[in-house]
Protein backbone atom coordinates (compact mmCIF):
# COMPACT_ATOMS: atom_id res chain seq x y z
CA MET A 1 -12.47 -25.24 9.73
CA PRO A 2 -15.40 -27.35 11.06
CA TYR A 3 -17.99 -29.09 8.14
CA GLU A 4 -20.87 -27.33 10.38
CA THR A 5 -19.19 -23.96 10.60
CA ALA A 6 -18.30 -24.24 6.90
CA ARG A 7 -21.78 -24.64 5.83
CA LEU A 8 -23.21 -21.94 8.60
CA LEU A 9 -21.00 -19.22 6.67
CA ALA A 10 -22.12 -20.17 3.58
CA TYR A 11 -25.75 -20.00 4.33
CA GLN A 12 -25.11 -16.78 6.16
CA SER A 13 -23.34 -15.72 2.85
CA TYR A 14 -25.91 -16.53 0.81
CA GLN A 15 -28.93 -14.96 3.14
CA HIS A 16 -27.04 -11.91 2.74
CA TRP A 17 -26.78 -12.05 -1.27
CA ILE A 18 -30.31 -12.64 -1.21
CA SER A 19 -31.68 -10.00 1.35
CA THR A 20 -29.04 -7.36 0.59
CA GLU A 21 -26.95 -7.82 -2.75
CA LEU A 22 -29.79 -9.62 -5.34
CA PHE A 23 -31.84 -7.07 -7.35
CA SER A 24 -30.26 -4.00 -5.45
CA PHE A 25 -30.00 -1.14 -7.70
CA GLY A 26 -26.02 -1.91 -7.59
CA TRP A 27 -26.78 -5.45 -8.90
CA PHE A 28 -28.81 -4.18 -11.89
CA VAL A 29 -25.72 -1.89 -12.42
CA THR A 30 -23.39 -4.34 -12.54
CA VAL A 31 -25.57 -6.76 -14.69
CA GLY A 32 -26.17 -4.10 -17.32
CA VAL A 33 -22.22 -3.76 -17.39
CA LEU A 34 -21.59 -6.86 -18.12
CA THR A 35 -24.64 -7.82 -20.36
CA VAL A 36 -23.19 -4.73 -22.78
CA VAL A 37 -19.47 -6.28 -22.63
CA TYR A 38 -20.45 -9.49 -23.59
CA THR A 39 -22.42 -8.31 -26.26
CA VAL A 40 -20.35 -6.17 -27.58
CA TRP A 41 -17.18 -9.01 -27.50
CA LEU A 42 -19.79 -11.47 -29.20
CA LYS A 43 -20.26 -8.82 -31.92
CA LEU A 44 -16.48 -7.83 -32.38
CA VAL A 45 -14.84 -10.91 -31.91
CA ASP A 46 -13.00 -12.60 -34.74
CA THR A 47 -14.05 -16.20 -34.81
CA SER A 48 -11.11 -17.11 -36.45
CA ARG A 49 -8.86 -16.61 -33.78
CA ILE A 50 -11.33 -17.44 -31.23
CA ARG A 51 -9.18 -20.09 -29.70
CA ASP A 52 -5.87 -17.97 -29.21
CA LEU A 53 -8.10 -15.22 -27.93
CA LEU A 54 -10.25 -17.41 -25.40
CA LEU A 55 -6.41 -18.83 -24.53
CA LEU A 56 -5.56 -14.89 -23.38
CA GLY A 57 -8.78 -14.37 -21.82
CA THR A 58 -8.28 -17.21 -19.46
CA LEU A 59 -4.71 -16.89 -18.74
CA SER A 60 -5.86 -13.16 -17.71
CA ALA A 61 -8.97 -14.22 -15.74
CA MET A 62 -6.86 -17.11 -14.21
CA GLY A 63 -4.32 -14.42 -12.97
CA LEU A 64 -6.27 -11.77 -11.71
CA THR A 65 -9.19 -14.07 -9.88
CA ILE A 66 -5.81 -15.54 -7.86
CA ALA A 67 -4.28 -12.24 -7.36
CA ASP A 68 -8.15 -11.18 -5.91
CA MET A 69 -8.50 -14.14 -3.54
CA ILE A 70 -4.62 -13.20 -1.94
CA LEU A 71 -5.39 -9.40 -1.99
CA PHE A 72 -8.87 -9.07 -1.68
CA GLY A 73 -9.89 -12.40 0.10
CA TYR A 74 -6.50 -12.70 2.51
CA PHE A 75 -4.88 -9.23 3.04
CA GLY A 76 -8.64 -7.49 2.47
CA VAL A 77 -7.54 -4.38 0.34
CA ALA A 78 -10.44 -4.03 -1.26
CA GLN A 79 -13.91 -5.97 -1.18
CA TYR A 80 -17.06 -6.07 -3.95
CA LYS A 81 -20.19 -5.59 -1.80
CA ILE A 82 -22.22 -6.73 -4.55
CA SER A 83 -21.97 -9.84 -6.52
CA VAL A 84 -24.11 -10.96 -8.89
CA THR A 85 -24.12 -14.34 -7.94
CA PRO A 86 -23.84 -15.75 -4.70
CA VAL A 87 -20.43 -17.56 -5.16
CA GLU A 88 -17.37 -17.24 -3.24
CA PRO A 89 -14.94 -15.54 -4.15
CA PRO A 90 -16.90 -13.08 -6.63
CA ILE A 91 -17.01 -13.68 -9.97
CA PHE A 92 -18.06 -11.51 -12.71
CA THR A 93 -16.06 -8.69 -11.61
CA ILE A 94 -14.18 -6.43 -13.55
CA ALA A 95 -10.81 -8.05 -13.14
CA VAL A 96 -11.90 -11.10 -13.43
CA THR A 97 -14.39 -10.58 -16.59
CA ILE A 98 -14.24 -7.14 -17.99
CA ALA A 99 -10.78 -6.85 -18.10
CA PRO A 100 -9.54 -10.40 -19.86
CA ILE A 101 -12.35 -9.33 -22.69
CA LEU A 102 -10.33 -6.03 -22.67
CA TYR A 103 -7.39 -7.67 -23.30
CA MET A 104 -8.78 -9.85 -25.88
CA LEU A 105 -10.29 -7.32 -28.41
CA VAL A 106 -6.45 -5.33 -28.16
CA GLN A 107 -5.02 -8.52 -28.88
CA GLN A 108 -6.94 -8.83 -32.05
CA TYR A 109 -7.05 -5.31 -33.35
CA THR A 110 -3.23 -5.07 -32.79
CA SER A 111 -0.21 -6.56 -34.36
CA SER A 112 3.09 -5.39 -31.63
CA TRP A 113 3.89 -4.82 -28.32
CA LYS A 114 3.90 -1.61 -28.87
CA SER A 115 0.29 -0.95 -29.80
CA TYR A 116 -0.94 -3.70 -27.60
CA VAL A 117 1.16 -2.16 -24.21
CA LEU A 118 -0.57 1.39 -25.78
CA TRP A 119 -4.60 -0.07 -25.98
CA ALA A 120 -4.17 -1.88 -23.36
CA VAL A 121 -2.82 1.35 -20.74
CA ILE A 122 -6.21 3.30 -22.15
CA GLY A 123 -8.63 0.38 -21.41
CA THR A 124 -7.43 -0.79 -18.03
CA ALA A 125 -7.26 3.39 -17.31
CA VAL A 126 -10.93 3.25 -18.33
CA LEU A 127 -11.82 0.61 -16.26
CA ASN A 128 -9.93 1.75 -12.90
CA PHE A 129 -10.44 5.02 -13.08
CA GLY A 130 -13.32 5.73 -14.71
CA LEU A 131 -15.77 2.39 -14.20
CA LEU A 132 -14.31 1.17 -10.12
CA PRO A 133 -15.04 4.66 -8.77
CA ILE A 134 -18.57 4.54 -10.01
CA TYR A 135 -18.74 1.48 -8.80
CA ALA A 136 -17.35 2.73 -5.62
CA LEU A 137 -20.04 5.45 -5.43
CA LEU A 138 -22.68 3.39 -5.93
CA GLY A 139 -21.88 0.67 -3.09
CA ILE A 140 -20.83 -2.05 -5.39
CA PHE A 141 -16.84 -1.95 -5.04
CA GLN A 142 -15.01 -0.84 -1.98
CA LEU A 143 -10.99 -0.07 -1.10
CA GLN A 144 -9.48 -0.36 2.36
CA HIS A 145 -5.84 -0.28 2.45
CA TRP A 146 -5.44 0.32 -1.41
CA ASN A 147 -6.06 2.88 -4.90
CA TYR A 148 -7.08 2.54 -7.78
CA PHE A 149 -3.38 3.42 -8.97
CA TYR A 150 -2.48 0.05 -7.50
CA HIS A 151 -5.66 -1.83 -8.72
CA PHE A 152 -4.34 -0.47 -12.22
CA LEU A 153 -0.56 -1.95 -11.94
CA LEU A 154 -2.21 -5.02 -11.14
CA ILE A 155 -4.64 -5.70 -14.13
CA LEU A 156 -1.70 -4.13 -16.39
CA THR A 157 0.72 -6.31 -15.57
CA ASP A 158 -1.28 -9.04 -15.76
CA GLY A 159 -2.57 -8.38 -19.29
CA MET A 160 0.91 -7.89 -20.41
CA ILE A 161 1.98 -11.30 -18.37
CA ALA A 162 -0.66 -12.71 -20.35
CA ARG A 163 0.09 -11.79 -23.89
CA GLY A 164 3.46 -12.61 -23.15
CA ILE A 165 2.57 -16.27 -22.55
CA LEU A 166 0.06 -16.39 -25.48
CA LEU A 167 3.00 -15.58 -27.70
CA TRP A 168 5.43 -18.17 -25.49
CA MET A 169 2.95 -20.60 -26.06
CA ILE A 170 2.35 -20.08 -30.16
CA ARG A 171 6.16 -19.77 -30.69
CA LEU A 172 6.28 -23.80 -29.30
CA GLU A 173 3.22 -24.84 -31.41
CA SER A 174 4.75 -23.08 -34.54
CA GLN A 175 8.28 -24.88 -33.81
CA SER A 176 6.47 -28.03 -33.06
CA VAL A 177 4.65 -28.05 -36.14
CA HIS A 178 7.76 -26.93 -37.94
CA GLY A 179 9.80 -29.80 -36.59
CA ARG A 180 6.98 -32.63 -37.72
CA VAL A 181 6.89 -30.92 -41.45
CA SER A 182 10.72 -31.21 -41.46
CA SER A 183 10.41 -34.60 -40.67
CA THR A 184 8.14 -35.71 -42.75
CA VAL A 185 9.57 -33.88 -45.76
CA TYR A 186 12.86 -35.55 -45.19
CA GLY A 187 11.19 -38.98 -44.65
CA LEU A 188 9.62 -39.04 -48.17
CA GLN A 189 12.77 -37.73 -50.18
CA PRO A 190 13.58 -40.68 -52.47
CA VAL A 191 16.48 -42.36 -51.81
CA ALA A 192 18.85 -42.68 -54.64
CA THR A 193 19.23 -46.11 -56.64
CA LYS A 194 22.05 -47.67 -59.33
CA PRO A 195 20.68 -47.91 -62.72
CA LEU A 196 19.32 -51.54 -63.89
CA VAL A 197 21.35 -53.06 -66.75
CA SER A 198 18.25 -52.94 -68.76
CA ASP A 199 17.86 -48.87 -68.35
CA LYS A 200 22.13 -48.82 -68.99
CA GLU A 201 21.20 -50.70 -72.57
CA ASP A 202 18.20 -48.61 -73.14
CA THR A 203 20.69 -45.49 -73.05
CA ALA A 204 22.75 -47.35 -75.23
CA ASP A 205 20.89 -47.63 -77.65
CA ASN A 206 19.34 -44.41 -77.18
CA ASP A 207 22.88 -42.84 -77.75
CA ASP A 208 23.48 -45.15 -81.20
């Protein structure tokens, strides 16, 4: 695409966002939902596990961003009609923002695959069959050749893959640390030495 054409499209997109989306009712609803979600997450997040939780959230967000770019941007199966910012592709959507936060909280409060899957299914169902239809009624989100069940499967699969990768990376890290500790301990083991002559004489004197 020529530079001038790209700049023109970007300008038109920005003007549409300024005149139609910004400060609309749907925009305020989206910002309000995001504010509540982030507030809850900051209130509940276990800071002692923040690294692993953020890694899970990042993996989930990356996967959903790529999926949105392909399915929404290229195939046009659905579209976010109102965006919080004029950035393309739109950020702070349910898939890219709220779902990763959901999976971080589920990971924090569960300890097994069974419980993680259970609560991930419940949370993802609330997002896809509860919040998204409301977004659709308010003109924030629009389905084309797509449905909520497909979207549910997409987001849920992303959460499963993200947790699988997280556990795999934690296991690799644990094995690496264990290997370094073992090497260090082995290297510090005392070397067997022959007793000195004086030691032998002292031992003999003690025996007498």
